[in-house]
């Protein structure tokens, strides 16, 4: 048996779970646990399927990456007002 538990311990755990959650909630709990395990296995498996081929930008993506006006972010913030400093 798993973890060194016998049949008696497993029956006792099943009885306690049934009392705590009720017989009507057990199928929902099992379904939720099964979906969680399936999604976990799928996400672990998808880690190995990362695409590493380089992507060639199309013509529309090249235009959107260009800087409009030729300025940088530092020069555009130069005219911003300075924050108020506390008086001494």
Protein backbone atom coordinates (compact mmCIF):
# COMPACT_ATOMS: atom_id res chain seq x y z
CA UNK A 1 0.00 0.00 0.00
CA UNK A 2 1.14 3.57 -0.60
CA UNK A 3 3.01 5.32 2.21
CA UNK A 4 2.80 2.21 4.39
CA UNK A 5 -0.95 2.61 4.99
CA UNK A 6 -3.18 -0.40 5.24
CA UNK A 7 -6.76 -0.94 4.15
CA UNK A 8 -8.09 0.09 7.57
CA UNK A 9 -6.40 3.50 7.44
CA UNK A 10 -7.70 4.16 3.91
CA UNK A 11 -11.27 3.25 4.94
CA UNK A 12 -11.01 5.55 7.98
CA UNK A 13 -9.79 8.44 5.79
CA UNK A 14 -12.63 7.83 3.32
CA UNK A 15 -15.20 7.89 6.15
CA UNK A 16 -13.79 11.14 7.53
CA UNK A 17 -13.78 12.79 4.09
CA UNK A 18 -17.37 11.65 3.50
CA UNK A 19 -18.49 13.09 6.85
CA UNK A 20 -16.69 16.40 6.33
CA UNK A 21 -17.69 17.07 2.71
CA UNK A 22 -20.87 15.01 2.35
CA UNK A 23 -21.67 12.32 -0.17
CA UNK A 24 -23.07 14.79 -2.71
CA UNK A 25 -19.86 16.86 -2.87
CA UNK A 26 -17.46 13.92 -3.33
CA UNK A 27 -18.01 13.59 -7.13
CA UNK A 28 -17.45 17.34 -7.55
CA UNK A 29 -14.26 17.17 -5.49
CA UNK A 30 -12.99 14.21 -7.50
CA UNK A 31 -13.78 15.97 -10.77
CA UNK A 32 -12.01 19.14 -9.66
CA UNK A 33 -8.98 17.22 -8.46
CA UNK A 34 -8.81 15.27 -11.72
CA UNK A 35 -8.96 18.45 -13.80
CA UNK A 36 -6.29 20.08 -11.67
CA UNK A 37 -3.96 17.11 -12.10
CA UNK A 38 -4.63 17.02 -15.87
CA UNK A 39 -3.91 20.75 -16.25
CA UNK A 40 -0.76 20.42 -14.14
CA UNK A 41 0.55 17.57 -16.30
CA UNK A 42 -0.32 19.50 -19.46
CA UNK A 43 1.53 22.59 -18.26
CA UNK A 44 4.58 20.55 -17.27
CA UNK A 45 4.59 18.87 -20.68
CA UNK A 46 4.24 22.17 -22.51
CA UNK A 47 7.44 23.48 -20.94
CA UNK A 48 9.36 21.14 -23.22
CA UNK A 49 7.51 22.43 -26.29
CA UNK A 50 8.88 25.97 -26.35
CA UNK A 51 9.35 27.24 -29.88
CA UNK A 52 12.88 28.55 -30.44
CA UNK A 53 12.77 29.40 -34.13
CA UNK A 54 13.44 33.10 -34.82
CA UNK A 55 10.48 35.14 -35.95
CA UNK A 56 10.89 37.32 -39.04
CA UNK A 57 8.91 40.56 -38.65
CA UNK A 58 6.53 41.43 -41.43
CA UNK A 59 6.33 44.85 -43.10
CA UNK A 60 3.63 46.16 -40.74
CA UNK A 61 5.61 45.17 -37.65
CA UNK A 62 8.71 46.98 -38.92
CA UNK A 63 6.76 50.24 -39.25
CA UNK A 64 5.30 50.02 -35.74
CA UNK A 65 8.75 49.51 -34.19
CA UNK A 66 10.13 52.79 -35.61
CA UNK A 67 10.39 55.83 -33.33
CA UNK A 68 8.09 58.65 -34.38
CA UNK A 69 9.75 62.08 -34.26
CA UNK A 70 13.26 60.73 -33.73
CA UNK A 71 13.30 61.63 -30.02
CA UNK A 72 13.95 59.41 -27.09
CA UNK A 73 11.90 58.86 -23.96
CA UNK A 74 14.40 60.83 -21.89
CA UNK A 75 14.12 63.97 -24.01
CA UNK A 76 10.33 63.81 -24.11
CA UNK A 77 10.18 63.83 -20.30
CA UNK A 78 12.57 66.78 -19.99
CA UNK A 79 9.74 69.33 -20.02
CA UNK A 80 7.75 67.60 -17.30
CA UNK A 81 7.12 69.54 -14.12
CA UNK A 82 9.25 68.69 -11.12
CA UNK A 83 7.42 67.26 -8.11
CA UNK A 84 6.77 69.56 -5.21
CA UNK A 85 9.46 69.30 -2.55
CA UNK A 86 8.56 69.62 1.12
CA UNK A 87 9.52 72.95 2.74
CA UNK A 88 12.30 72.92 5.30
